[in-house]
C-alpha atoms as a PDB file:
ATOM      1  CA  UNK A   1      99.337-159.626 -60.969  1.00  0.00           C
ATOM      2  CA  UNK A   2      99.404-156.820 -58.387  1.00  0.00           C
ATOM      3  CA  UNK A   3      98.071-157.598 -54.936  1.00  0.00           C
ATOM      4  CA  UNK A   4      94.581-156.319 -54.086  1.00  0.00           C
ATOM      5  CA  UNK A   5      94.400-152.956 -52.345  1.00  0.00           C
ATOM      6  CA  UNK A   6      94.527-153.176 -48.543  1.00  0.00           C
ATOM      7  CA  UNK A   7      91.483-152.352 -46.463  1.00  0.00           C
ATOM      8  CA  UNK A   8      91.079-148.669 -45.499  1.00  0.00           C
ATOM      9  CA  UNK A   9      93.335-147.803 -42.592  1.00  0.00           C
ATOM     10  CA  UNK A  10      92.050-146.126 -39.428  1.00  0.00           C
ATOM     11  CA  UNK A  11      92.064-142.327 -39.411  1.00  0.00           C
ATOM     12  CA  UNK A  12      95.016-142.230 -37.022  1.00  0.00           C
ATOM     13  CA  UNK A  13      97.319-143.651 -39.687  1.00  0.00           C
ATOM     14  CA  UNK A  14      96.283-140.887 -42.070  1.00  0.00           C
ATOM     15  CA  UNK A  15      97.203-138.324 -39.403  1.00  0.00           C
ATOM     16  CA  UNK A  16     100.581-139.999 -38.972  1.00  0.00           C
ATOM     17  CA  UNK A  17     101.084-140.043 -42.751  1.00  0.00           C
ATOM     18  CA  UNK A  18     100.122-136.373 -43.025  1.00  0.00           C
ATOM     19  CA  UNK A  19     102.508-135.478 -40.204  1.00  0.00           C
ATOM     20  CA  UNK A  20     105.300-137.332 -41.982  1.00  0.00           C
ATOM     21  CA  UNK A  21     104.593-135.528 -45.255  1.00  0.00           C
ATOM     22  CA  UNK A  22     104.430-132.142 -43.548  1.00  0.00           C
ATOM     23  CA  UNK A  23     107.667-132.866 -41.709  1.00  0.00           C
ATOM     24  CA  UNK A  24     109.377-133.902 -44.923  1.00  0.00           C
ATOM     25  CA  UNK A  25     108.205-130.748 -46.697  1.00  0.00           C
ATOM     26  CA  UNK A  26     109.320-128.590 -43.776  1.00  0.00           C
ATOM     27  CA  UNK A  27     112.766-130.187 -43.793  1.00  0.00           C
ATOM     28  CA  UNK A  28     113.010-129.732 -47.554  1.00  0.00           C
ATOM     29  CA  UNK A  29     112.056-126.052 -47.314  1.00  0.00           C
ATOM     30  CA  UNK A  30     114.541-125.558 -44.488  1.00  0.00           C
ATOM     31  CA  UNK A  31     117.307-127.212 -46.513  1.00  0.00           C
ATOM     32  CA  UNK A  32     116.503-125.052 -49.545  1.00  0.00           C
ATOM     33  CA  UNK A  33     116.448-121.897 -47.447  1.00  0.00           C
ATOM     34  CA  UNK A  34     119.784-122.867 -45.868  1.00  0.00           C
ATOM     35  CA  UNK A  35     121.313-123.549 -49.270  1.00  0.00           C
ATOM     36  CA  UNK A  36     120.060-120.255 -50.698  1.00  0.00           C
ATOM     37  CA  UNK A  37     120.882-118.312 -47.511  1.00  0.00           C
ATOM     38  CA  UNK A  38     117.323-117.009 -47.214  1.00  0.00           C
ATOM     39  CA  UNK A  39     117.211-117.638 -43.457  1.00  0.00           C
ATOM     40  CA  UNK A  40     117.734-113.938 -42.787  1.00  0.00           C
ATOM     41  CA  UNK A  41     114.425-113.243 -44.540  1.00  0.00           C
ATOM     42  CA  UNK A  42     112.437-115.811 -42.541  1.00  0.00           C
END
């Protein structure tokens, strides 16, 4: 059986998680723009 859900984390961890997600998305968009050579339009 799956383990019970952990207790809610403090707000700081959500900020860290959000920063990680935003960073990942930014890196992905940068990689796509590099691959498609759209950097001249940014």
